[in-house]
Amino acid sequence: MVVNIITEIFLDGLERSGNTFLGGALGYSLGIQVTPLWSHRVYALESRNKDYPFIVPVRDALPCMVSSKIYRDYWEKNIHKLEPGRTGDPQEIVVRHLEYIKYVVNDKDLFIAPFKEFSTDHNSFVDVVVKSFPGLKVCQRLTKDEIIEKIGPNPNPHLNSLELRNFPRDPVENKESITKMFISDYSNELQEIQSYIEILYKRYYTLKSSL
């Protein structure tokens, strides 16, 4: 059961799903501690503290996986080698996304945050969160630009590159070729993952319409 006075919110989703922006939007709007775990792994969901709200940002499969590959390829080339299962290998990305999304579908206690909702109208999304958890209240309304400014650039210059930056940015050169690769080589897997994502979207919109 969620505590009556909520002092903290946790969140974790797959990488490139808006974890950083969502954490800032919730934290600055609600005036409480919001902790993005940035693990992007099932174990973070399994081991969460169930006394507190846990929010999972969810993004459409194709743009999420394309951005993930761009991110991880750059990371391995310019920062350090990644552990097995966390690289930019497309097969690894597909397997990890499928495992993660299937777990979220089966855990009905996780609160779903559709990327297209909070990235286009975060204040509306915050209102849904507040109505869902009576221990929360809106402390201030901020624009998207104000939230991004408050979050600020990452002190690591690599993390402000086009490939790794969290906020809207110009597309990198190889984005189109990576997109075509996923569509041609992993069409069936994309459809399966997206079908689970649609279940999660429906969960959110059903909740929203009931409030």
N, C-alpha and C. Protein backbone atom coordinates (compact mmCIF):
# COMPACT_ATOMS: atom_id res chain seq x y z
N MET A 1 0.84 -1.19 0.00
CA MET A 1 0.00 0.00 0.00
C MET A 1 0.88 1.25 0.00
N VAL A 2 0.49 2.25 -0.78
CA VAL A 2 1.25 3.48 -0.85
C VAL A 2 1.03 4.30 0.42
N VAL A 3 2.10 4.90 0.94
CA VAL A 3 1.99 5.70 2.16
C VAL A 3 1.10 6.89 1.91
N ASN A 4 0.40 7.36 2.98
CA ASN A 4 -0.53 8.47 2.85
C ASN A 4 0.18 9.78 2.53
N ILE A 5 1.27 10.05 3.23
CA ILE A 5 2.06 11.24 2.94
C ILE A 5 3.24 10.79 2.09
N ILE A 6 3.22 11.13 0.85
CA ILE A 6 4.25 10.65 -0.07
C ILE A 6 5.43 11.61 -0.06
N THR A 7 6.58 11.10 0.29
CA THR A 7 7.78 11.91 0.38
C THR A 7 8.74 11.66 -0.76
N GLU A 8 8.49 10.62 -1.54
CA GLU A 8 9.40 10.31 -2.63
C GLU A 8 8.70 9.47 -3.70
N ILE A 9 9.09 9.69 -4.92
CA ILE A 9 8.62 8.90 -6.05
C ILE A 9 9.84 8.30 -6.73
N PHE A 10 9.73 7.04 -7.13
CA PHE A 10 10.81 6.40 -7.88
C PHE A 10 10.35 6.19 -9.32
N LEU A 11 11.30 6.22 -10.22
CA LEU A 11 10.94 5.91 -11.61
C LEU A 11 12.10 5.24 -12.31
N ASP A 12 11.76 4.39 -13.25
CA ASP A 12 12.76 3.73 -14.07
C ASP A 12 12.06 3.18 -15.30
N GLY A 13 12.62 3.46 -16.45
CA GLY A 13 12.11 2.91 -17.69
C GLY A 13 13.28 2.52 -18.56
N LEU A 14 12.98 2.01 -19.73
CA LEU A 14 14.06 1.73 -20.67
C LEU A 14 14.78 3.02 -21.04
N GLU A 15 16.06 2.92 -21.40
CA GLU A 15 16.79 4.12 -21.78
C GLU A 15 16.14 4.78 -22.98
N ARG A 16 16.30 6.07 -23.06
CA ARG A 16 15.75 6.91 -24.13
C ARG A 16 14.24 6.97 -24.11
N SER A 17 13.68 6.82 -22.91
CA SER A 17 12.22 6.89 -22.73
C SER A 17 11.80 8.14 -21.97
N GLY A 18 12.73 9.07 -21.77
CA GLY A 18 12.37 10.31 -21.09
C GLY A 18 12.54 10.29 -19.59
N ASN A 19 13.37 9.38 -19.09
CA ASN A 19 13.56 9.27 -17.64
C ASN A 19 13.99 10.58 -17.00
N THR A 20 14.97 11.26 -17.60
CA THR A 20 15.51 12.48 -17.01
C THR A 20 14.49 13.60 -17.01
N PHE A 21 13.83 13.83 -18.14
CA PHE A 21 12.84 14.90 -18.20
C PHE A 21 11.66 14.61 -17.28
N LEU A 22 11.18 13.37 -17.28
CA LEU A 22 10.05 13.02 -16.43
C LEU A 22 10.39 13.23 -14.96
N GLY A 23 11.60 12.83 -14.56
CA GLY A 23 12.01 13.04 -13.18
C GLY A 23 12.01 14.50 -12.81
N GLY A 24 12.51 15.35 -13.71
CA GLY A 24 12.52 16.79 -13.45
C GLY A 24 11.12 17.37 -13.43
N ALA A 25 10.28 16.97 -14.38
CA ALA A 25 8.91 17.50 -14.44
C ALA A 25 8.14 17.17 -13.16
N LEU A 26 8.26 15.94 -12.69
CA LEU A 26 7.55 15.54 -11.47
C LEU A 26 8.15 16.22 -10.24
N GLY A 27 9.46 16.19 -10.13
CA GLY A 27 10.11 16.74 -8.94
C GLY A 27 9.86 18.22 -8.76
N TYR A 28 10.05 19.00 -9.82
CA TYR A 28 9.86 20.44 -9.71
C TYR A 28 8.39 20.82 -9.58
N SER A 29 7.50 20.04 -10.20
CA SER A 29 6.06 20.34 -10.12
C SER A 29 5.48 20.00 -8.76
N LEU A 30 5.94 18.89 -8.18
CA LEU A 30 5.36 18.40 -6.93
C LEU A 30 6.14 18.84 -5.70
N GLY A 31 7.37 19.27 -5.89
CA GLY A 31 8.17 19.74 -4.76
C GLY A 31 8.60 18.63 -3.82
N ILE A 32 8.77 17.41 -4.35
CA ILE A 32 9.25 16.30 -3.53
C ILE A 32 10.40 15.61 -4.24
N GLN A 33 11.03 14.70 -3.53
CA GLN A 33 12.14 13.95 -4.11
C GLN A 33 11.62 12.96 -5.14
N VAL A 34 12.13 13.06 -6.35
CA VAL A 34 11.83 12.08 -7.39
C VAL A 34 13.15 11.46 -7.81
N THR A 35 13.25 10.14 -7.70
CA THR A 35 14.51 9.44 -7.91
C THR A 35 14.45 8.55 -9.15
N PRO A 36 15.02 9.02 -10.27
CA PRO A 36 15.17 8.11 -11.42
C PRO A 36 16.30 7.13 -11.13
N LEU A 37 16.06 5.85 -11.31
CA LEU A 37 17.08 4.85 -11.01
C LEU A 37 18.07 4.66 -12.16
N TRP A 38 17.62 4.94 -13.38
CA TRP A 38 18.47 4.82 -14.58
C TRP A 38 19.13 3.44 -14.70
N SER A 39 18.47 2.40 -14.21
CA SER A 39 19.03 1.05 -14.37
C SER A 39 18.60 0.45 -15.70
N HIS A 40 17.36 0.72 -16.10
CA HIS A 40 16.79 0.21 -17.35
C HIS A 40 16.77 -1.32 -17.36
N ARG A 41 16.70 -1.92 -16.18
CA ARG A 41 16.71 -3.38 -16.08
C ARG A 41 15.56 -3.86 -15.21
N VAL A 42 15.14 -5.08 -15.44
CA VAL A 42 14.01 -5.66 -14.71
C VAL A 42 14.27 -5.72 -13.21
N TYR A 43 15.52 -5.95 -12.81
CA TYR A 43 15.79 -6.12 -11.38
C TYR A 43 15.41 -4.87 -10.58
N ALA A 44 15.46 -3.68 -11.20
CA ALA A 44 15.06 -2.47 -10.50
C ALA A 44 13.57 -2.48 -10.20
N LEU A 45 12.80 -3.07 -11.07
CA LEU A 45 11.36 -3.18 -10.86
C LEU A 45 11.05 -4.24 -9.81
N GLU A 46 11.78 -5.34 -9.87
CA GLU A 46 11.55 -6.44 -8.93
C GLU A 46 11.89 -6.06 -7.50
N SER A 47 12.91 -5.23 -7.32
CA SER A 47 13.41 -4.91 -5.98
C SER A 47 12.91 -3.57 -5.46
N ARG A 48 11.94 -2.96 -6.12
CA ARG A 48 11.49 -1.63 -5.71
C ARG A 48 10.80 -1.65 -4.35
N ASN A 49 10.80 -0.50 -3.70
CA ASN A 49 10.08 -0.31 -2.45
C ASN A 49 8.61 -0.04 -2.78
N LYS A 50 7.75 -0.98 -2.46
CA LYS A 50 6.35 -0.88 -2.86
C LYS A 50 5.53 0.05 -1.97
N ASP A 51 6.17 0.68 -1.00
CA ASP A 51 5.47 1.67 -0.18
C ASP A 51 5.42 3.03 -0.87
N TYR A 52 6.10 3.16 -2.01
CA TYR A 52 6.16 4.45 -2.70
C TYR A 52 5.73 4.28 -4.15
N PRO A 53 5.18 5.33 -4.75
CA PRO A 53 4.82 5.24 -6.16
C PRO A 53 6.05 4.94 -7.01
N PHE A 54 5.85 4.07 -7.98
CA PHE A 54 6.93 3.74 -8.93
C PHE A 54 6.39 3.95 -10.33
N ILE A 55 7.00 4.86 -11.05
CA ILE A 55 6.51 5.26 -12.37
C ILE A 55 7.46 4.76 -13.46
N VAL A 56 6.87 4.21 -14.51
CA VAL A 56 7.66 3.67 -15.62
C VAL A 56 7.35 4.45 -16.89
N PRO A 57 8.29 5.27 -17.38
CA PRO A 57 8.07 5.92 -18.68
C PRO A 57 8.14 4.89 -19.80
N VAL A 58 7.22 4.99 -20.74
CA VAL A 58 7.13 4.01 -21.84
C VAL A 58 7.05 4.77 -23.16
N ARG A 59 7.90 4.37 -24.09
CA ARG A 59 7.98 5.01 -25.41
C ARG A 59 7.76 3.97 -26.49
N ASP A 60 7.27 4.39 -27.65
CA ASP A 60 7.08 3.46 -28.77
C ASP A 60 8.37 2.70 -29.06
N ALA A 61 8.22 1.46 -29.48
CA ALA A 61 9.36 0.55 -29.59
C ALA A 61 10.44 1.03 -30.56
N LEU A 62 10.06 1.41 -31.78
CA LEU A 62 11.07 1.73 -32.78
C LEU A 62 11.93 2.93 -32.41
N PRO A 63 11.35 4.10 -32.11
CA PRO A 63 12.22 5.23 -31.75
C PRO A 63 13.03 4.98 -30.49
N CYS A 64 12.48 4.21 -29.56
CA CYS A 64 13.21 3.91 -28.33
C CYS A 64 14.44 3.06 -28.63
N MET A 65 14.28 2.04 -29.45
CA MET A 65 15.40 1.14 -29.74
C MET A 65 16.43 1.79 -30.65
N VAL A 66 15.98 2.60 -31.60
CA VAL A 66 16.92 3.32 -32.47
C VAL A 66 17.78 4.26 -31.63
N SER A 67 17.14 5.02 -30.76
CA SER A 67 17.88 5.95 -29.91
C SER A 67 18.80 5.21 -28.96
N SER A 68 18.36 4.04 -28.49
CA SER A 68 19.19 3.23 -27.59
C SER A 68 20.46 2.77 -28.29
N LYS A 69 20.35 2.33 -29.54
CA LYS A 69 21.53 1.88 -30.27
C LYS A 69 22.50 3.04 -30.52
N ILE A 70 21.96 4.18 -30.92
CA ILE A 70 22.80 5.35 -31.14
C ILE A 70 23.55 5.71 -29.86
N TYR A 71 22.83 5.70 -28.75
CA TYR A 71 23.41 6.03 -27.44
C TYR A 71 24.52 5.07 -27.06
N ARG A 72 24.24 3.79 -27.16
CA ARG A 72 25.19 2.78 -26.69
C ARG A 72 26.39 2.63 -27.62
N ASP A 73 26.18 2.81 -28.91
CA ASP A 73 27.33 2.78 -29.83
C ASP A 73 28.29 3.92 -29.53
N TYR A 74 27.75 5.10 -29.30
CA TYR A 74 28.59 6.26 -28.98
C TYR A 74 29.31 6.04 -27.66
N TRP A 75 28.58 5.51 -26.68
CA TRP A 75 29.16 5.29 -25.35
C TRP A 75 30.37 4.35 -25.43
N GLU A 76 30.19 3.25 -26.14
CA GLU A 76 31.30 2.27 -26.25
C GLU A 76 32.49 2.85 -27.02
N LYS A 77 32.23 3.65 -28.01
CA LYS A 77 33.30 4.20 -28.83
C LYS A 77 34.05 5.32 -28.12
N ASN A 78 33.35 6.12 -27.32
CA ASN A 78 33.95 7.34 -26.80
C ASN A 78 34.13 7.39 -25.29
N ILE A 79 33.49 6.49 -24.54
CA ILE A 79 33.57 6.58 -23.08
C ILE A 79 34.19 5.32 -22.49
N HIS A 80 33.48 4.21 -22.49
CA HIS A 80 34.09 2.95 -22.04
C HIS A 80 33.26 1.77 -22.52
N LYS A 81 33.84 0.60 -22.48
CA LYS A 81 33.18 -0.61 -22.94
C LYS A 81 32.00 -0.94 -22.02
N LEU A 82 30.91 -1.39 -22.62
CA LEU A 82 29.71 -1.73 -21.86
C LEU A 82 29.67 -3.22 -21.55
N GLU A 83 29.00 -3.56 -20.47
CA GLU A 83 28.87 -4.95 -20.07
C GLU A 83 28.01 -5.72 -21.06
N PRO A 84 28.21 -7.03 -21.20
CA PRO A 84 27.37 -7.84 -22.09
C PRO A 84 25.89 -7.67 -21.73
N GLY A 85 25.07 -7.56 -22.75
CA GLY A 85 23.65 -7.33 -22.54
C GLY A 85 23.27 -5.87 -22.49
N ARG A 86 24.29 -4.99 -22.48
CA ARG A 86 24.03 -3.55 -22.40
C ARG A 86 24.66 -2.82 -23.58
N THR A 87 25.13 -3.54 -24.57
CA THR A 87 25.83 -2.92 -25.69
C THR A 87 24.83 -2.42 -26.74
N GLY A 88 25.39 -1.91 -27.83
CA GLY A 88 24.55 -1.45 -28.93
C GLY A 88 24.20 -2.53 -29.92
N ASP A 89 24.52 -3.78 -29.60
CA ASP A 89 24.14 -4.89 -30.47
C ASP A 89 22.62 -4.92 -30.60
N PRO A 90 22.07 -4.83 -31.81
CA PRO A 90 20.61 -4.75 -31.96
C PRO A 90 19.87 -5.94 -31.37
N GLN A 91 20.44 -7.13 -31.47
CA GLN A 91 19.79 -8.30 -30.90
C GLN A 91 19.68 -8.17 -29.38
N GLU A 92 20.74 -7.68 -28.74
CA GLU A 92 20.69 -7.45 -27.28
C GLU A 92 19.63 -6.42 -26.93
N ILE A 93 19.55 -5.36 -27.71
CA ILE A 93 18.57 -4.31 -27.45
C ILE A 93 17.15 -4.86 -27.56
N VAL A 94 16.90 -5.64 -28.58
CA VAL A 94 15.57 -6.23 -28.78
C VAL A 94 15.20 -7.16 -27.62
N VAL A 95 16.11 -8.04 -27.25
CA VAL A 95 15.85 -8.99 -26.16
C VAL A 95 15.58 -8.26 -24.85
N ARG A 96 16.39 -7.24 -24.57
CA ARG A 96 16.25 -6.52 -23.30
C ARG A 96 14.94 -5.73 -23.26
N HIS A 97 14.58 -5.12 -24.39
CA HIS A 97 13.32 -4.36 -24.45
C HIS A 97 12.13 -5.29 -24.26
N LEU A 98 12.17 -6.45 -24.91
CA LEU A 98 11.05 -7.38 -24.79
C LEU A 98 10.92 -7.88 -23.36
N GLU A 99 12.02 -8.24 -22.73
CA GLU A 99 12.00 -8.71 -21.35
C GLU A 99 11.43 -7.64 -20.41
N TYR A 100 11.89 -6.43 -20.59
CA TYR A 100 11.47 -5.34 -19.70
C TYR A 100 9.98 -5.03 -19.87
N ILE A 101 9.55 -4.87 -21.11
CA ILE A 101 8.15 -4.50 -21.36
C ILE A 101 7.19 -5.60 -20.92
N LYS A 102 7.55 -6.85 -21.13
CA LYS A 102 6.69 -7.95 -20.69
C LYS A 102 6.55 -7.95 -19.17
N TYR A 103 7.64 -7.64 -18.46
CA TYR A 103 7.56 -7.58 -17.00
C TYR A 103 6.60 -6.47 -16.57
N VAL A 104 6.71 -5.31 -17.21
CA VAL A 104 5.85 -4.19 -16.84
C VAL A 104 4.39 -4.52 -17.11
N VAL A 105 4.11 -5.19 -18.20
CA VAL A 105 2.73 -5.58 -18.51
C VAL A 105 2.16 -6.47 -17.41
N ASN A 106 2.99 -7.37 -16.88
CA ASN A 106 2.51 -8.33 -15.88
C ASN A 106 2.45 -7.77 -14.47
N ASP A 107 3.05 -6.60 -14.25
CA ASP A 107 3.02 -5.99 -12.91
C ASP A 107 2.05 -4.81 -12.94
N LYS A 108 0.84 -5.06 -12.48
CA LYS A 108 -0.23 -4.05 -12.58
C LYS A 108 -0.06 -2.90 -11.59
N ASP A 109 0.88 -3.00 -10.64
CA ASP A 109 1.07 -1.94 -9.66
C ASP A 109 1.98 -0.82 -10.16
N LEU A 110 2.64 -1.04 -11.27
CA LEU A 110 3.50 -0.01 -11.82
C LEU A 110 2.66 1.06 -12.53
N PHE A 111 3.00 2.31 -12.30
CA PHE A 111 2.25 3.42 -12.91
C PHE A 111 2.90 3.76 -14.25
N ILE A 112 2.11 3.73 -15.30
CA ILE A 112 2.64 3.91 -16.66
C ILE A 112 2.63 5.39 -17.05
N ALA A 113 3.75 5.82 -17.63
CA ALA A 113 3.88 7.20 -18.11
C ALA A 113 4.18 7.19 -19.60
N PRO A 114 3.18 7.32 -20.45
CA PRO A 114 3.44 7.33 -21.90
C PRO A 114 4.30 8.52 -22.29
N PHE A 115 5.37 8.26 -23.00
CA PHE A 115 6.31 9.30 -23.42
C PHE A 115 5.58 10.43 -24.16
N LYS A 116 4.67 10.07 -25.05
CA LYS A 116 3.99 11.09 -25.85
C LYS A 116 3.08 11.97 -25.00
N GLU A 117 2.68 11.48 -23.82
CA GLU A 117 1.87 12.29 -22.92
C GLU A 117 2.71 13.30 -22.17
N PHE A 118 3.73 12.83 -21.43
CA PHE A 118 4.47 13.76 -20.59
C PHE A 118 5.45 14.63 -21.38
N SER A 119 5.81 14.20 -22.60
CA SER A 119 6.73 15.01 -23.39
C SER A 119 6.01 16.13 -24.15
N THR A 120 4.70 16.00 -24.33
CA THR A 120 3.93 17.04 -25.02
C THR A 120 3.15 17.92 -24.05
N ASP A 121 2.67 17.36 -22.94
CA ASP A 121 1.92 18.14 -21.95
C ASP A 121 2.20 17.57 -20.56
N HIS A 122 3.35 17.92 -20.02
CA HIS A 122 3.76 17.34 -18.73
C HIS A 122 2.84 17.78 -17.60
N ASN A 123 2.30 19.00 -17.69
CA ASN A 123 1.41 19.46 -16.61
C ASN A 123 0.14 18.63 -16.52
N SER A 124 -0.39 18.25 -17.68
CA SER A 124 -1.57 17.38 -17.69
C SER A 124 -1.23 16.03 -17.10
N PHE A 125 -0.06 15.50 -17.45
CA PHE A 125 0.36 14.21 -16.89
C PHE A 125 0.54 14.31 -15.38
N VAL A 126 1.15 15.38 -14.91
CA VAL A 126 1.33 15.57 -13.47
C VAL A 126 -0.02 15.56 -12.76
N ASP A 127 -1.03 16.17 -13.37
CA ASP A 127 -2.37 16.17 -12.77
C ASP A 127 -2.92 14.76 -12.63
N VAL A 128 -2.67 13.91 -13.61
CA VAL A 128 -3.12 12.51 -13.53
C VAL A 128 -2.42 11.81 -12.36
N VAL A 129 -1.13 12.05 -12.21
CA VAL A 129 -0.38 11.45 -11.10
C VAL A 129 -0.94 11.90 -9.77
N VAL A 130 -1.20 13.20 -9.64
CA VAL A 130 -1.71 13.74 -8.38
C VAL A 130 -3.08 13.15 -8.04
N LYS A 131 -3.94 13.01 -9.03
CA LYS A 131 -5.26 12.43 -8.79
C LYS A 131 -5.17 10.95 -8.43
N SER A 132 -4.11 10.30 -8.88
CA SER A 132 -3.95 8.87 -8.61
C SER A 132 -3.37 8.60 -7.24
N PHE A 133 -2.64 9.57 -6.70
CA PHE A 133 -2.00 9.42 -5.39
C PHE A 133 -2.38 10.61 -4.52
N PRO A 134 -3.41 10.47 -3.68
CA PRO A 134 -3.93 11.59 -2.89
C PRO A 134 -2.90 12.27 -1.99
N GLY A 135 -1.78 11.63 -1.72
CA GLY A 135 -0.77 12.25 -0.88
C GLY A 135 0.08 13.27 -1.60
N LEU A 136 -0.22 13.51 -2.89
CA LEU A 136 0.57 14.45 -3.68
C LEU A 136 -0.23 15.71 -3.99
N LYS A 137 0.47 16.79 -4.26
CA LYS A 137 -0.17 18.03 -4.70
C LYS A 137 0.80 18.81 -5.59
N VAL A 138 0.23 19.59 -6.48
CA VAL A 138 1.05 20.41 -7.37
C VAL A 138 1.50 21.65 -6.62
N CYS A 139 2.80 21.89 -6.62
CA CYS A 139 3.36 23.06 -5.95
C CYS A 139 3.61 24.22 -6.90
N GLN A 140 3.91 23.91 -8.16
CA GLN A 140 4.14 24.96 -9.14
C GLN A 140 3.96 24.40 -10.55
N ARG A 141 3.64 25.31 -11.46
CA ARG A 141 3.51 24.95 -12.87
C ARG A 141 4.69 25.54 -13.63
N LEU A 142 5.35 24.70 -14.38
CA LEU A 142 6.49 25.13 -15.15
C LEU A 142 6.33 24.76 -16.62
N THR A 143 6.94 25.54 -17.50
CA THR A 143 6.95 25.18 -18.91
C THR A 143 8.02 24.13 -19.15
N LYS A 144 7.98 23.51 -20.32
CA LYS A 144 9.00 22.52 -20.67
C LYS A 144 10.39 23.16 -20.66
N ASP A 145 10.49 24.36 -21.23
CA ASP A 145 11.79 25.03 -21.27
C ASP A 145 12.31 25.34 -19.86
N GLU A 146 11.41 25.69 -18.96
CA GLU A 146 11.83 25.99 -17.58
C GLU A 146 12.35 24.73 -16.89
N ILE A 147 11.70 23.60 -17.15
CA ILE A 147 12.16 22.34 -16.55
C ILE A 147 13.53 21.97 -17.10
N ILE A 148 13.69 22.05 -18.42
CA ILE A 148 14.97 21.72 -19.04
C ILE A 148 16.08 22.63 -18.51
N GLU A 149 15.75 23.91 -18.33
CA GLU A 149 16.75 24.84 -17.79
C GLU A 149 17.12 24.48 -16.36
N LYS A 150 16.13 24.09 -15.56
CA LYS A 150 16.41 23.71 -14.18
C LYS A 150 17.27 22.44 -14.10
N ILE A 151 16.98 21.48 -14.96
CA ILE A 151 17.77 20.26 -14.99
C ILE A 151 19.20 20.59 -15.40
N GLY A 152 19.33 21.46 -16.40
CA GLY A 152 20.64 21.93 -16.82
C GLY A 152 21.42 20.90 -17.62
N PRO A 153 22.52 21.33 -18.23
CA PRO A 153 23.36 20.40 -19.00
C PRO A 153 24.11 19.46 -18.08
N ASN A 154 24.44 18.30 -18.59
CA ASN A 154 25.23 17.35 -17.81
C ASN A 154 26.67 17.84 -17.71
N PRO A 155 27.29 17.75 -16.53
CA PRO A 155 28.68 18.21 -16.40
C PRO A 155 29.67 17.41 -17.24
N ASN A 156 29.29 16.20 -17.63
CA ASN A 156 30.14 15.40 -18.52
C ASN A 156 29.88 15.84 -19.96
N PRO A 157 30.87 16.43 -20.65
CA PRO A 157 30.63 16.93 -22.01
C PRO A 157 30.17 15.86 -22.98
N HIS A 158 30.61 14.61 -22.78
CA HIS A 158 30.15 13.53 -23.67
C HIS A 158 28.64 13.39 -23.63
N LEU A 159 28.05 13.59 -22.44
CA LEU A 159 26.62 13.37 -22.28
C LEU A 159 25.78 14.51 -22.85
N ASN A 160 26.43 15.54 -23.37
CA ASN A 160 25.72 16.61 -24.06
C ASN A 160 25.90 16.52 -25.58
N SER A 161 26.48 15.42 -26.04
CA SER A 161 26.63 15.22 -27.48
C SER A 161 25.27 14.92 -28.10
N LEU A 162 25.17 15.05 -29.42
CA LEU A 162 23.91 14.75 -30.10
C LEU A 162 23.45 13.33 -29.81
N GLU A 163 24.40 12.40 -29.71
CA GLU A 163 24.07 10.99 -29.54
C GLU A 163 23.53 10.68 -28.15
N LEU A 164 23.94 11.44 -27.14
CA LEU A 164 23.58 11.10 -25.76
C LEU A 164 22.64 12.11 -25.10
N ARG A 165 22.49 13.26 -25.68
CA ARG A 165 21.68 14.31 -25.04
C ARG A 165 20.26 13.83 -24.78
N ASN A 166 19.70 14.26 -23.64
CA ASN A 166 18.39 13.78 -23.23
C ASN A 166 17.23 14.53 -23.86
N PHE A 167 17.44 15.75 -24.27
CA PHE A 167 16.33 16.59 -24.69
C PHE A 167 16.29 16.75 -26.20
N PRO A 168 15.22 17.31 -26.76
CA PRO A 168 15.09 17.39 -28.22
C PRO A 168 16.36 17.91 -28.88
N ARG A 169 16.77 17.24 -29.95
CA ARG A 169 18.04 17.54 -30.58
C ARG A 169 17.96 17.22 -32.07
N ASP A 170 18.90 17.72 -32.82
CA ASP A 170 18.96 17.40 -34.25
C ASP A 170 19.31 15.93 -34.41
N PRO A 171 18.77 15.26 -35.43
CA PRO A 171 19.08 13.83 -35.62
C PRO A 171 20.54 13.61 -36.00
N VAL A 172 21.10 12.51 -35.53
CA VAL A 172 22.47 12.16 -35.89
C VAL A 172 22.48 11.56 -37.29
N GLU A 173 23.67 11.50 -37.88
CA GLU A 173 23.78 11.09 -39.28
C GLU A 173 23.26 9.69 -39.55
N ASN A 174 23.51 8.76 -38.63
CA ASN A 174 23.17 7.36 -38.91
C ASN A 174 21.78 6.95 -38.40
N LYS A 175 20.99 7.90 -37.97
CA LYS A 175 19.67 7.55 -37.43
C LYS A 175 18.80 6.85 -38.48
N GLU A 176 18.80 7.37 -39.70
CA GLU A 176 17.95 6.79 -40.74
C GLU A 176 18.37 5.36 -41.07
N SER A 177 19.67 5.10 -41.17
CA SER A 177 20.12 3.76 -41.51
C SER A 177 19.84 2.78 -40.38
N ILE A 178 19.95 3.21 -39.14
CA ILE A 178 19.65 2.34 -37.99
C ILE A 178 18.15 2.04 -37.95
N THR A 179 17.35 3.04 -38.25
CA THR A 179 15.90 2.83 -38.28
C THR A 179 15.53 1.79 -39.34
N LYS A 180 16.10 1.91 -40.52
CA LYS A 180 15.82 0.95 -41.59
C LYS A 180 16.28 -0.44 -41.21
N MET A 181 17.42 -0.55 -40.52
CA MET A 181 17.94 -1.84 -40.10
C MET A 181 16.96 -2.54 -39.15
N PHE A 182 16.46 -1.82 -38.15
CA PHE A 182 15.53 -2.43 -37.21
C PHE A 182 14.25 -2.87 -37.92
N ILE A 183 13.76 -2.05 -38.83
CA ILE A 183 12.52 -2.37 -39.54
C ILE A 183 12.69 -3.60 -40.42
N SER A 184 13.83 -3.71 -41.09
CA SER A 184 14.03 -4.83 -42.02
C SER A 184 14.43 -6.11 -41.30
N ASP A 185 15.24 -6.00 -40.24
CA ASP A 185 15.79 -7.19 -39.59
C ASP A 185 15.00 -7.66 -38.37
N TYR A 186 14.20 -6.78 -37.79
CA TYR A 186 13.51 -7.13 -36.54
C TYR A 186 12.03 -6.73 -36.58
N SER A 187 11.44 -6.88 -37.75
CA SER A 187 10.05 -6.47 -37.93
C SER A 187 9.10 -7.20 -36.97
N ASN A 188 9.24 -8.52 -36.88
CA ASN A 188 8.35 -9.30 -36.02
C ASN A 188 8.54 -8.94 -34.55
N GLU A 189 9.79 -8.76 -34.15
CA GLU A 189 10.07 -8.41 -32.75
C GLU A 189 9.53 -7.03 -32.41
N LEU A 190 9.66 -6.10 -33.35
CA LEU A 190 9.12 -4.76 -33.13
C LEU A 190 7.61 -4.81 -32.93
N GLN A 191 6.95 -5.59 -33.76
CA GLN A 191 5.49 -5.70 -33.65
C GLN A 191 5.10 -6.30 -32.31
N GLU A 192 5.83 -7.32 -31.87
CA GLU A 192 5.49 -7.95 -30.59
C GLU A 192 5.69 -6.97 -29.44
N ILE A 193 6.83 -6.29 -29.43
CA ILE A 193 7.10 -5.34 -28.34
C ILE A 193 6.08 -4.21 -28.36
N GLN A 194 5.77 -3.70 -29.55
CA GLN A 194 4.80 -2.61 -29.63
C GLN A 194 3.42 -3.06 -29.17
N SER A 195 3.08 -4.32 -29.42
CA SER A 195 1.77 -4.81 -28.96
C SER A 195 1.67 -4.78 -27.44
N TYR A 196 2.77 -5.09 -26.75
CA TYR A 196 2.78 -5.00 -25.29
C TYR A 196 2.73 -3.54 -24.84
N ILE A 197 3.41 -2.68 -25.58
CA ILE A 197 3.40 -1.26 -25.24
C ILE A 197 1.99 -0.70 -25.36
N GLU A 198 1.25 -1.14 -26.37
CA GLU A 198 -0.12 -0.67 -26.54
C GLU A 198 -0.99 -1.09 -25.35
N ILE A 199 -0.71 -2.24 -24.77
CA ILE A 199 -1.42 -2.67 -23.55
C ILE A 199 -1.14 -1.70 -22.41
N LEU A 200 0.11 -1.27 -22.31
CA LEU A 200 0.48 -0.32 -21.26
C LEU A 200 -0.15 1.04 -21.48
N TYR A 201 -0.19 1.48 -22.73
CA TYR A 201 -0.87 2.75 -23.03
C TYR A 201 -2.34 2.67 -22.63
N LYS A 202 -2.96 1.56 -22.97
CA LYS A 202 -4.38 1.39 -22.63
C LYS A 202 -4.58 1.44 -21.12
N ARG A 203 -3.65 0.85 -20.36
CA ARG A 203 -3.75 0.89 -18.90
C ARG A 203 -3.76 2.33 -18.40
N TYR A 204 -2.86 3.14 -18.95
CA TYR A 204 -2.79 4.54 -18.53
C TYR A 204 -4.05 5.30 -18.91
N TYR A 205 -4.51 5.17 -20.16
CA TYR A 205 -5.65 5.95 -20.61
C TYR A 205 -6.95 5.49 -19.95
N THR A 206 -7.03 4.22 -19.60
CA THR A 206 -8.20 3.75 -18.83
C THR A 206 -8.21 4.39 -17.46
N LEU A 207 -7.04 4.44 -16.82
CA LEU A 207 -6.95 5.10 -15.51
C LEU A 207 -7.29 6.58 -15.64
N LYS A 208 -6.72 7.23 -16.63
CA LYS A 208 -6.95 8.67 -16.80
C LYS A 208 -8.42 8.99 -16.98
N SER A 209 -9.12 8.18 -17.76
CA SER A 209 -10.54 8.43 -18.01
C SER A 209 -11.42 8.16 -16.81
N SER A 210 -10.89 7.40 -15.84
CA SER A 210 -11.68 7.05 -14.65
C SER A 210 -11.54 8.09 -13.53
N LEU A 211 -10.60 9.01 -13.68
CA LEU A 211 -10.34 9.96 -12.58
C LEU A 211 -11.29 11.16 -12.64
